[in-house]
Structure formats: C-alpha cells, structure tokens
Amino acid sequence: MGIRLLIYLIILGIGAVLGYKDKIGTKLSNKLNLLQSISLFFLLFIMGIRIGLDEKVIKSFFSIGLRAVIIAIFTIIITILTTKIITRFFIFREGENKVEP
C-alpha cells in the first residue's frame, strides 16, 4: 500500500512540474479537459465493476449508501467553504495590486 501511494505522489509531482515549467504542448494542453473527463469516467466505471462484484457491499448497500451520502454532503460543504476562504485571502481579484515576495 505504501509503495502505491509513493508512485501516485511521484506521478502527481511529475505532472505538476511539467505544468509549471510549461513543458506540455499546446495541442495536448487544449485536450486536457477531455482527457481528464475520459479518465474520470473510466475510473468510475472500474469502481462500479468492483462494487458490483463484492457481495457484502451489495447486501449492505442501503446502510453503506446512507453513510456515503452523509460523508459526501459534508465533504462538499467543507470543500466549498475552504475554497471561499482561500479565494478571499490568497487569490487577488482582477485590478488589485499583487504583493511581490
């Protein structure tokens, strides 16, 4: 489990560096939204297959589903609040002076 997490973080870091250094071509850059959506749909499809194959999950679907809905609602609320706070304090609006470090 630990090695997988490390691989995920390395891949994420490589992508961040390539994006920051502007090493992605404009042709690929224009297709990133489509590529991201296709990847997400594929991931959700595979997760659905895994859930469907697990009999324990299917038998306890309603109790798990209720907990998942509660967790999802709180996650959404916390994400929206965090985004508003970060936007208010760290991201400058158009026309405001930026403070150079």
PDB file of N, CA and C in Angstrom:
ATOM      1  N   MET A   1       0.822  -1.198   0.000  1.00  0.00           N
ATOM      2  CA  MET A   1       0.000   0.000   0.000  1.00  0.00           C
ATOM      3  C   MET A   1       0.861   1.255   0.000  1.00  0.00           C
ATOM      4  N   GLY A   2       1.938   1.252   0.754  1.00  0.00           N
ATOM      5  CA  GLY A   2       2.795   2.409   0.863  1.00  0.00           C
ATOM      6  C   GLY A   2       3.507   2.734  -0.438  1.00  0.00           C
ATOM      7  N   ILE A   3       3.912   1.691  -1.188  1.00  0.00           N
ATOM      8  CA  ILE A   3       4.628   1.924  -2.439  1.00  0.00           C
ATOM      9  C   ILE A   3       3.692   2.509  -3.492  1.00  0.00           C
ATOM     10  N   ARG A   4       2.419   2.076  -3.478  1.00  0.00           N
ATOM     11  CA  ARG A   4       1.445   2.639  -4.428  1.00  0.00           C
ATOM     12  C   ARG A   4       1.241   4.129  -4.183  1.00  0.00           C
ATOM     13  N   LEU A   5       1.099   4.504  -2.924  1.00  0.00           N
ATOM     14  CA  LEU A   5       0.925   5.912  -2.592  1.00  0.00           C
ATOM     15  C   LEU A   5       2.130   6.721  -3.050  1.00  0.00           C
ATOM     16  N   LEU A   6       3.309   6.178  -2.860  1.00  0.00           N
ATOM     17  CA  LEU A   6       4.521   6.859  -3.299  1.00  0.00           C
ATOM     18  C   LEU A   6       4.533   7.033  -4.823  1.00  0.00           C
ATOM     19  N   ILE A   7       4.121   5.998  -5.544  1.00  0.00           N
ATOM     20  CA  ILE A   7       4.050   6.087  -7.009  1.00  0.00           C
ATOM     21  C   ILE A   7       3.045   7.153  -7.426  1.00  0.00           C
ATOM     22  N   TYR A   8       1.880   7.190  -6.772  1.00  0.00           N
ATOM     23  CA  TYR A   8       0.861   8.199  -7.085  1.00  0.00           C
ATOM     24  C   TYR A   8       1.406   9.610  -6.866  1.00  0.00           C
ATOM     25  N   LEU A   9       2.099   9.800  -5.756  1.00  0.00           N
ATOM     26  CA  LEU A   9       2.653  11.116  -5.453  1.00  0.00           C
ATOM     27  C   LEU A   9       3.749  11.519  -6.431  1.00  0.00           C
ATOM     28  N   ILE A  10       4.559  10.554  -6.854  1.00  0.00           N
ATOM     29  CA  ILE A  10       5.609  10.838  -7.833  1.00  0.00           C
ATOM     30  C   ILE A  10       4.987  11.245  -9.168  1.00  0.00           C
ATOM     31  N   ILE A  11       3.967  10.505  -9.608  1.00  0.00           N
ATOM     32  CA  ILE A  11       3.291  10.845 -10.868  1.00  0.00           C
ATOM     33  C   ILE A  11       2.650  12.224 -10.771  1.00  0.00           C
ATOM     34  N   LEU A  12       1.999  12.502  -9.642  1.00  0.00           N
ATOM     35  CA  LEU A  12       1.402  13.819  -9.435  1.00  0.00           C
ATOM     36  C   LEU A  12       2.463  14.910  -9.470  1.00  0.00           C
ATOM     37  N   GLY A  13       3.580  14.670  -8.829  1.00  0.00           N
ATOM     38  CA  GLY A  13       4.670  15.647  -8.807  1.00  0.00           C
ATOM     39  C   GLY A  13       5.244  15.896 -10.194  1.00  0.00           C
ATOM     40  N   ILE A  14       5.426  14.839 -10.976  1.00  0.00           N
ATOM     41  CA  ILE A  14       5.941  14.999 -12.341  1.00  0.00           C
ATOM     42  C   ILE A  14       4.975  15.845 -13.168  1.00  0.00           C
ATOM     43  N   GLY A  15       3.681  15.561 -13.044  1.00  0.00           N
ATOM     44  CA  GLY A  15       2.683  16.355 -13.769  1.00  0.00           C
ATOM     45  C   GLY A  15       2.698  17.808 -13.349  1.00  0.00           C
ATOM     46  N   ALA A  16       2.839  18.052 -12.054  1.00  0.00           N
ATOM     47  CA  ALA A  16       2.878  19.430 -11.557  1.00  0.00           C
ATOM     48  C   ALA A  16       4.096  20.172 -12.083  1.00  0.00           C
ATOM     49  N   VAL A  17       5.245  19.521 -12.087  1.00  0.00           N
ATOM     50  CA  VAL A  17       6.467  20.156 -12.587  1.00  0.00           C
ATOM     51  C   VAL A  17       6.352  20.444 -14.081  1.00  0.00           C
ATOM     52  N   LEU A  18       5.831  19.476 -14.852  1.00  0.00           N
ATOM     53  CA  LEU A  18       5.666  19.692 -16.287  1.00  0.00           C
ATOM     54  C   LEU A  18       4.696  20.840 -16.566  1.00  0.00           C
ATOM     55  N   GLY A  19       3.631  20.913 -15.805  1.00  0.00           N
ATOM     56  CA  GLY A  19       2.678  22.007 -15.981  1.00  0.00           C
ATOM     57  C   GLY A  19       3.278  23.343 -15.587  1.00  0.00           C
ATOM     58  N   TYR A  20       4.007  23.366 -14.487  1.00  0.00           N
ATOM     59  CA  TYR A  20       4.611  24.607 -14.007  1.00  0.00           C
ATOM     60  C   TYR A  20       5.677  25.116 -14.961  1.00  0.00           C
ATOM     61  N   LYS A  21       6.471  24.213 -15.491  1.00  0.00           N
ATOM     62  CA  LYS A  21       7.564  24.589 -16.401  1.00  0.00           C
ATOM     63  C   LYS A  21       7.061  24.816 -17.823  1.00  0.00           C
ATOM     64  N   ASP A  22       5.761  24.640 -18.040  1.00  0.00           N
ATOM     65  CA  ASP A  22       5.127  24.834 -19.352  1.00  0.00           C
ATOM     66  C   ASP A  22       5.752  23.933 -20.404  1.00  0.00           C
ATOM     67  N   LYS A  23       5.941  22.668 -20.058  1.00  0.00           N
ATOM     68  CA  LYS A  23       6.543  21.688 -20.970  1.00  0.00           C
ATOM     69  C   LYS A  23       5.497  20.890 -21.738  1.00  0.00           C
ATOM     70  N   ILE A  24       4.224  21.185 -21.524  1.00  0.00           N
ATOM     71  CA  ILE A  24       3.150  20.495 -22.226  1.00  0.00           C
ATOM     72  C   ILE A  24       2.839  21.292 -23.495  1.00  0.00           C
ATOM     73  N   GLY A  25       2.777  20.616 -24.618  1.00  0.00           N
ATOM     74  CA  GLY A  25       2.494  21.291 -25.878  1.00  0.00           C
ATOM     75  C   GLY A  25       1.084  21.866 -25.906  1.00  0.00           C
ATOM     76  N   THR A  26       0.865  22.837 -26.760  1.00  0.00           N
ATOM     77  CA  THR A  26      -0.445  23.485 -26.828  1.00  0.00           C
ATOM     78  C   THR A  26      -1.521  22.521 -27.322  1.00  0.00           C
ATOM     79  N   LYS A  27      -1.151  21.605 -28.202  1.00  0.00           N
ATOM     80  CA  LYS A  27      -2.124  20.632 -28.709  1.00  0.00           C
ATOM     81  C   LYS A  27      -2.639  19.748 -27.569  1.00  0.00           C
ATOM     82  N   LEU A  28      -1.732  19.242 -26.735  1.00  0.00           N
ATOM     83  CA  LEU A  28      -2.132  18.421 -25.592  1.00  0.00           C
ATOM     84  C   LEU A  28      -2.823  19.276 -24.534  1.00  0.00           C
ATOM     85  N   SER A  29      -2.332  20.472 -24.342  1.00  0.00           N
ATOM     86  CA  SER A  29      -2.914  21.377 -23.355  1.00  0.00           C
ATOM     87  C   SER A  29      -4.375  21.669 -23.659  1.00  0.00           C
ATOM     88  N   ASN A  30      -4.711  21.806 -24.930  1.00  0.00           N
ATOM     89  CA  ASN A  30      -6.098  22.065 -25.316  1.00  0.00           C
ATOM     90  C   ASN A  30      -6.995  20.846 -25.113  1.00  0.00           C
ATOM     91  N   LYS A  31      -6.412  19.662 -25.061  1.00  0.00           N
ATOM     92  CA  LYS A  31      -7.180  18.425 -24.914  1.00  0.00           C
ATOM     93  C   LYS A  31      -7.226  17.917 -23.470  1.00  0.00           C
ATOM     94  N   LEU A  32      -6.624  18.635 -22.524  1.00  0.00           N
ATOM     95  CA  LEU A  32      -6.533  18.132 -21.152  1.00  0.00           C
ATOM     96  C   LEU A  32      -7.900  17.936 -20.494  1.00  0.00           C
ATOM     97  N   ASN A  33      -8.850  18.828 -20.715  1.00  0.00           N
ATOM     98  CA  ASN A  33     -10.179  18.656 -20.119  1.00  0.00           C
ATOM     99  C   ASN A  33     -10.845  17.388 -20.614  1.00  0.00           C
ATOM    100  N   LEU A  34     -10.760  17.127 -21.904  1.00  0.00           N
ATOM    101  CA  LEU A  34     -11.344  15.914 -22.465  1.00  0.00           C
ATOM    102  C   LEU A  34     -10.646  14.677 -21.914  1.00  0.00           C
ATOM    103  N   LEU A  35      -9.328  14.722 -21.871  1.00  0.00           N
ATOM    104  CA  LEU A  35      -8.553  13.596 -21.354  1.00  0.00           C
ATOM    105  C   LEU A  35      -8.876  13.337 -19.882  1.00  0.00           C
ATOM    106  N   GLN A  36      -9.009  14.380 -19.106  1.00  0.00           N
ATOM    107  CA  GLN A  36      -9.346  14.242 -17.694  1.00  0.00           C
ATOM    108  C   GLN A  36     -10.745  13.654 -17.526  1.00  0.00           C
ATOM    109  N   SER A  37     -11.698  14.097 -18.315  1.00  0.00           N
ATOM    110  CA  SER A  37     -13.063  13.574 -18.220  1.00  0.00           C
ATOM    111  C   SER A  37     -13.122  12.100 -18.599  1.00  0.00           C
ATOM    112  N   ILE A  38     -12.451  11.736 -19.672  1.00  0.00           N
ATOM    113  CA  ILE A  38     -12.433  10.331 -20.092  1.00  0.00           C
ATOM    114  C   ILE A  38     -11.799   9.463 -19.014  1.00  0.00           C
ATOM    115  N   SER A  39     -10.699   9.918 -18.437  1.00  0.00           N
ATOM    116  CA  SER A  39     -10.033   9.160 -17.373  1.00  0.00           C
ATOM    117  C   SER A  39     -10.937   9.003 -16.158  1.00  0.00           C
ATOM    118  N   LEU A  40     -11.642  10.067 -15.790  1.00  0.00           N
ATOM    119  CA  LEU A  40     -12.549  10.006 -14.644  1.00  0.00           C
ATOM    120  C   LEU A  40     -13.687   9.033 -14.900  1.00  0.00           C
ATOM    121  N   PHE A  41     -14.279   9.078 -16.093  1.00  0.00           N
ATOM    122  CA  PHE A  41     -15.366   8.151 -16.429  1.00  0.00           C
ATOM    123  C   PHE A  41     -14.883   6.705 -16.395  1.00  0.00           C
ATOM    124  N   PHE A  42     -13.685   6.465 -16.911  1.00  0.00           N
ATOM    125  CA  PHE A  42     -13.117   5.122 -16.882  1.00  0.00           C
ATOM    126  C   PHE A  42     -12.897   4.652 -15.445  1.00  0.00           C
ATOM    127  N   LEU A  43     -12.369   5.520 -14.604  1.00  0.00           N
ATOM    128  CA  LEU A  43     -12.151   5.187 -13.201  1.00  0.00           C
ATOM    129  C   LEU A  43     -13.463   4.856 -12.499  1.00  0.00           C
ATOM    130  N   LEU A  44     -14.495   5.667 -12.726  1.00  0.00           N
ATOM    131  CA  LEU A  44     -15.799   5.405 -12.118  1.00  0.00           C
ATOM    132  C   LEU A  44     -16.389   4.086 -12.614  1.00  0.00           C
ATOM    133  N   PHE A  45     -16.203   3.783 -13.890  1.00  0.00           N
ATOM    134  CA  PHE A  45     -16.679   2.523 -14.454  1.00  0.00           C
ATOM    135  C   PHE A  45     -16.011   1.335 -13.766  1.00  0.00           C
ATOM    136  N   ILE A  46     -14.698   1.392 -13.609  1.00  0.00           N
ATOM    137  CA  ILE A  46     -13.951   0.314 -12.952  1.00  0.00           C
ATOM    138  C   ILE A  46     -14.372   0.186 -11.489  1.00  0.00           C
ATOM    139  N   MET A  47     -14.579   1.324 -10.810  1.00  0.00           N
ATOM    140  CA  MET A  47     -15.039   1.270  -9.419  1.00  0.00           C
ATOM    141  C   MET A  47     -16.416   0.623  -9.333  1.00  0.00           C
ATOM    142  N   GLY A  48     -17.303   0.919 -10.289  1.00  0.00           N
ATOM    143  CA  GLY A  48     -18.623   0.302 -10.324  1.00  0.00           C
ATOM    144  C   GLY A  48     -18.538  -1.204 -10.495  1.00  0.00           C
ATOM    145  N   ILE A  49     -17.636  -1.652 -11.340  1.00  0.00           N
ATOM    146  CA  ILE A  49     -17.442  -3.095 -11.522  1.00  0.00           C
ATOM    147  C   ILE A  49     -16.980  -3.736 -10.226  1.00  0.00           C
ATOM    148  N   ARG A  50     -16.012  -3.097  -9.558  1.00  0.00           N
ATOM    149  CA  ARG A  50     -15.506  -3.654  -8.286  1.00  0.00           C
ATOM    150  C   ARG A  50     -16.594  -3.720  -7.227  1.00  0.00           C
ATOM    151  N   ILE A  51     -17.427  -2.687  -7.157  1.00  0.00           N
ATOM    152  CA  ILE A  51     -18.518  -2.672  -6.189  1.00  0.00           C
ATOM    153  C   ILE A  51     -19.527  -3.763  -6.526  1.00  0.00           C
ATOM    154  N   GLY A  52     -19.856  -3.920  -7.801  1.00  0.00           N
ATOM    155  CA  GLY A  52     -20.816  -4.923  -8.222  1.00  0.00           C
ATOM    156  C   GLY A  52     -20.355  -6.344  -7.962  1.00  0.00           C
ATOM    157  N   LEU A  53     -19.065  -6.576  -7.974  1.00  0.00           N
ATOM    158  CA  LEU A  53     -18.526  -7.913  -7.730  1.00  0.00           C
ATOM    159  C   LEU A  53     -18.482  -8.282  -6.250  1.00  0.00           C
ATOM    160  N   ASP A  54     -18.568  -7.323  -5.368  1.00  0.00           N
ATOM    161  CA  ASP A  54     -18.462  -7.570  -3.928  1.00  0.00           C
ATOM    162  C   ASP A  54     -19.852  -7.786  -3.334  1.00  0.00           C
ATOM    163  N   GLU A  55     -20.156  -9.029  -2.959  1.00  0.00           N
ATOM    164  CA  GLU A  55     -21.492  -9.363  -2.446  1.00  0.00           C
ATOM    165  C   GLU A  55     -21.798  -8.679  -1.118  1.00  0.00           C
ATOM    166  N   LYS A  56     -20.788  -8.509  -0.267  1.00  0.00           N
ATOM    167  CA  LYS A  56     -21.024  -7.836   1.018  1.00  0.00           C
ATOM    168  C   LYS A  56     -21.478  -6.403   0.803  1.00  0.00           C
ATOM    169  N   VAL A  57     -20.900  -5.726  -0.165  1.00  0.00           N
ATOM    170  CA  VAL A  57     -21.290  -4.351  -0.450  1.00  0.00           C
ATOM    171  C   VAL A  57     -22.718  -4.305  -0.969  1.00  0.00           C
ATOM    172  N   ILE A  58     -23.067  -5.227  -1.849  1.00  0.00           N
ATOM    173  CA  ILE A  58     -24.418  -5.250  -2.410  1.00  0.00           C
ATOM    174  C   ILE A  58     -25.441  -5.533  -1.317  1.00  0.00           C
ATOM    175  N   LYS A  59     -25.151  -6.459  -0.402  1.00  0.00           N
ATOM    176  CA  LYS A  59     -26.096  -6.808   0.671  1.00  0.00           C
ATOM    177  C   LYS A  59     -26.291  -5.661   1.653  1.00  0.00           C
ATOM    178  N   SER A  60     -25.251  -4.895   1.904  1.00  0.00           N
ATOM    179  CA  SER A  60     -25.351  -3.795   2.872  1.00  0.00           C
ATOM    180  C   SER A  60     -25.371  -2.437   2.172  1.00  0.00           C
ATOM    181  N   PHE A  61     -25.900  -2.412   0.957  1.00  0.00           N
ATOM    182  CA  PHE A  61     -25.859  -1.210   0.127  1.00  0.00           C
ATOM    183  C   PHE A  61     -26.576  -0.027   0.762  1.00  0.00           C
ATOM    184  N   PHE A  62     -27.758  -0.257   1.368  1.00  0.00           N
ATOM    185  CA  PHE A  62     -28.519   0.869   1.912  1.00  0.00           C
ATOM    186  C   PHE A  62     -27.860   1.471   3.149  1.00  0.00           C
ATOM    187  N   SER A  63     -27.314   0.664   4.029  1.00  0.00           N
ATOM    188  CA  SER A  63     -26.643   1.241   5.199  1.00  0.00           C
ATOM    189  C   SER A  63     -25.349   1.936   4.790  1.00  0.00           C
ATOM    190  N   ILE A  64     -24.621   1.350   3.858  1.00  0.00           N
ATOM    191  CA  ILE A  64     -23.408   1.993   3.363  1.00  0.00           C
ATOM    192  C   ILE A  64     -23.777   3.246   2.582  1.00  0.00           C
ATOM    193  N   GLY A  65     -24.843   3.170   1.795  1.00  0.00           N
ATOM    194  CA  GLY A  65     -25.268   4.303   0.973  1.00  0.00           C
ATOM    195  C   GLY A  65     -25.621   5.515   1.806  1.00  0.00           C
ATOM    196  N   LEU A  66     -26.316   5.314   2.928  1.00  0.00           N
ATOM    197  CA  LEU A  66     -26.680   6.433   3.793  1.00  0.00           C
ATOM    198  C   LEU A  66     -25.439   7.100   4.373  1.00  0.00           C
ATOM    199  N   ARG A  67     -24.508   6.304   4.832  1.00  0.00           N
ATOM    200  CA  ARG A  67     -23.258   6.859   5.364  1.00  0.00           C
ATOM    201  C   ARG A  67     -22.482   7.592   4.271  1.00  0.00           C
ATOM    202  N   ALA A  68     -22.466   7.033   3.076  1.00  0.00           N
ATOM    203  CA  ALA A  68     -21.743   7.663   1.972  1.00  0.00           C
ATOM    204  C   ALA A  68     -22.362   9.006   1.614  1.00  0.00           C
ATOM    205  N   VAL A  69     -23.693   9.081   1.637  1.00  0.00           N
ATOM    206  CA  VAL A  69     -24.359  10.349   1.325  1.00  0.00           C
ATOM    207  C   VAL A  69     -24.008  11.401   2.372  1.00  0.00           C
ATOM    208  N   ILE A  70     -24.019  11.018   3.635  1.00  0.00           N
ATOM    209  CA  ILE A  70     -23.673  11.958   4.707  1.00  0.00           C
ATOM    210  C   ILE A  70     -22.229  12.439   4.557  1.00  0.00           C
ATOM    211  N   ILE A  71     -21.311  11.521   4.308  1.00  0.00           N
ATOM    212  CA  ILE A  71     -19.907  11.892   4.124  1.00  0.00           C
ATOM    213  C   ILE A  71     -19.754  12.787   2.901  1.00  0.00           C
ATOM    214  N   ALA A  72     -20.438  12.464   1.815  1.00  0.00           N
ATOM    215  CA  ALA A  72     -20.338  13.267   0.587  1.00  0.00           C
ATOM    216  C   ALA A  72     -20.857  14.685   0.816  1.00  0.00           C
ATOM    217  N   ILE A  73     -21.972  14.825   1.513  1.00  0.00           N
ATOM    218  CA  ILE A  73     -22.538  16.155   1.770  1.00  0.00           C
ATOM    219  C   ILE A  73     -21.568  17.001   2.593  1.00  0.00           C
ATOM    220  N   PHE A  74     -21.028  16.423   3.665  1.00  0.00           N
ATOM    221  CA  PHE A  74     -20.077  17.175   4.484  1.00  0.00           C
ATOM    222  C   PHE A  74     -18.805  17.506   3.713  1.00  0.00           C
ATOM    223  N   THR A  75     -18.351  16.583   2.868  1.00  0.00           N
ATOM    224  CA  THR A  75     -17.161  16.844   2.056  1.00  0.00           C
ATOM    225  C   THR A  75     -17.399  18.000   1.103  1.00  0.00           C
ATOM    226  N   ILE A  76     -18.547  18.022   0.468  1.00  0.00           N
ATOM    227  CA  ILE A  76     -18.879  19.110  -0.455  1.00  0.00           C
ATOM    228  C   ILE A  76     -18.939  20.441   0.286  1.00  0.00           C
ATOM    229  N   ILE A  77     -19.603  20.457   1.429  1.00  0.00           N
ATOM    230  CA  ILE A  77     -19.734  21.704   2.205  1.00  0.00           C
ATOM    231  C   ILE A  77     -18.360  22.211   2.641  1.00  0.00           C
ATOM    232  N   ILE A  78     -17.520  21.331   3.166  1.00  0.00           N
ATOM    233  CA  ILE A  78     -16.190  21.732   3.622  1.00  0.00           C
ATOM    234  C   ILE A  78     -15.338  22.204   2.448  1.00  0.00           C
ATOM    235  N   THR A  79     -15.446  21.540   1.302  1.00  0.00           N
ATOM    236  CA  THR A  79     -14.684  21.952   0.122  1.00  0.00           C
ATOM    237  C   THR A  79     -15.100  23.340  -0.349  1.00  0.00           C
ATOM    238  N   ILE A  80     -16.393  23.602  -0.395  1.00  0.00           N
ATOM    239  CA  ILE A  80     -16.878  24.916  -0.822  1.00  0.00           C
ATOM    240  C   ILE A  80     -16.411  25.994   0.148  1.00  0.00           C
ATOM    241  N   LEU A  81     -16.525  25.749   1.441  1.00  0.00           N
ATOM    242  CA  LEU A  81     -16.090  26.738   2.429  1.00  0.00           C
ATOM    243  C   LEU A  81     -14.587  26.993   2.349  1.00  0.00           C
ATOM    244  N   THR A  82     -13.809  25.932   2.202  1.00  0.00           N
ATOM    245  CA  THR A  82     -12.361  26.077   2.098  1.00  0.00           C
ATOM    246  C   THR A  82     -11.980  26.863   0.848  1.00  0.00           C
ATOM    247  N   THR A  83     -12.639  26.579  -0.255  1.00  0.00           N
ATOM    248  CA  THR A  83     -12.363  27.303  -1.497  1.00  0.00           C
ATOM    249  C   THR A  83     -12.687  28.780  -1.354  1.00  0.00           C
ATOM    250  N   LYS A  84     -13.805  29.096  -0.707  1.00  0.00           N
ATOM    251  CA  LYS A  84     -14.171  30.504  -0.496  1.00  0.00           C
ATOM    252  C   LYS A  84     -13.137  31.209   0.383  1.00  0.00           C
ATOM    253  N   ILE A  85     -12.679  30.554   1.426  1.00  0.00           N
ATOM    254  CA  ILE A  85     -11.690  31.153   2.324  1.00  0.00           C
ATOM    255  C   ILE A  85     -10.373  31.382   1.587  1.00  0.00           C
ATOM    256  N   ILE A  86      -9.899  30.378   0.859  1.00  0.00           N
ATOM    257  CA  ILE A  86      -8.640  30.517   0.126  1.00  0.00           C
ATOM    258  C   ILE A  86      -8.757  31.604  -0.927  1.00  0.00           C
ATOM    259  N   THR A  87      -9.878  31.639  -1.623  1.00  0.00           N
ATOM    260  CA  THR A  87     -10.076  32.662  -2.653  1.00  0.00           C
ATOM    261  C   THR A  87     -10.077  34.053  -2.036  1.00  0.00           C
ATOM    262  N   ARG A  88     -10.721  34.203  -0.921  1.00  0.00           N
ATOM    263  CA  ARG A  88     -10.826  35.520  -0.288  1.00  0.00           C
ATOM    264  C   ARG A  88      -9.472  36.019   0.197  1.00  0.00           C
ATOM    265  N   PHE A  89      -8.647  35.155   0.773  1.00  0.00           N
ATOM    266  CA  PHE A  89      -7.417  35.611   1.405  1.00  0.00           C
ATOM    267  C   PHE A  89      -6.164  35.485   0.542  1.00  0.00           C
ATOM    268  N   PHE A  90      -6.155  34.594  -0.448  1.00  0.00           N
ATOM    269  CA  PHE A  90      -4.916  34.339  -1.163  1.00  0.00           C
ATOM    270  C   PHE A  90      -4.943  34.657  -2.647  1.00  0.00           C
ATOM    271  N   ILE A  91      -6.079  34.702  -3.248  1.00  0.00           N
ATOM    272  CA  ILE A  91      -6.155  34.953  -4.682  1.00  0.00           C
ATOM    273  C   ILE A  91      -6.635  36.376  -4.892  1.00  0.00           C
ATOM    274  N   PHE A  92      -5.846  37.140  -5.625  1.00  0.00           N
ATOM    275  CA  PHE A  92      -6.179  38.534  -5.867  1.00  0.00           C
ATOM    276  C   PHE A  92      -7.165  38.641  -7.013  1.00  0.00           C
ATOM    277  N   ARG A  93      -8.058  39.567  -6.867  1.00  0.00           N
ATOM    278  CA  ARG A  93      -9.028  39.804  -7.934  1.00  0.00           C
ATOM    279  C   ARG A  93      -8.414  40.699  -8.995  1.00  0.00           C
ATOM    280  N   GLU A  94      -9.002  40.688 -10.159  1.00  0.00           N
ATOM    281  CA  GLU A  94      -8.502  41.487 -11.272  1.00  0.00           C
ATOM    282  C   GLU A  94      -8.483  42.963 -10.895  1.00  0.00           C
ATOM    283  N   GLY A  95      -7.368  43.612 -11.140  1.00  0.00           N
ATOM    284  CA  GLY A  95      -7.236  45.034 -10.859  1.00  0.00           C
ATOM    285  C   GLY A  95      -6.586  45.320  -9.508  1.00  0.00           C
ATOM    286  N   GLU A  96      -6.477  44.341  -8.631  1.00  0.00           N
ATOM    287  CA  GLU A  96      -5.835  44.565  -7.336  1.00  0.00           C
ATOM    288  C   GLU A  96      -4.330  44.445  -7.510  1.00  0.00           C
ATOM    289  N   ASN A  97      -3.607  45.140  -6.664  1.00  0.00           N
ATOM    290  CA  ASN A  97      -2.148  45.067  -6.685  1.00  0.00           C
ATOM    291  C   ASN A  97      -1.696  43.780  -6.047  1.00  0.00           C
ATOM    292  N   LYS A  98      -0.762  43.117  -6.695  1.00  0.00           N
ATOM    293  CA  LYS A  98      -0.196  41.899  -6.137  1.00  0.00           C
ATOM    294  C   LYS A  98       1.051  42.251  -5.348  1.00  0.00           C
ATOM    295  N   VAL A  99       1.212  41.622  -4.222  1.00  0.00           N
ATOM    296  CA  VAL A  99       2.394  41.860  -3.391  1.00  0.00           C
ATOM    297  C   VAL A  99       3.462  40.872  -3.826  1.00  0.00           C
ATOM    298  N   GLU A 100       4.601  41.390  -4.225  1.00  0.00           N
ATOM    299  CA  GLU A 100       5.699  40.547  -4.655  1.00  0.00           C
ATOM    300  C   GLU A 100       6.461  40.059  -3.425  1.00  0.00           C
ATOM    301  N   PRO A 101       6.855  38.780  -3.415  1.00  0.00           N
ATOM    302  CA  PRO A 101       7.609  38.245  -2.250  1.00  0.00           C
ATOM    303  C   PRO A 101       9.023  38.762  -2.189  1.00  0.00           C
TER     304      PRO A 101
END
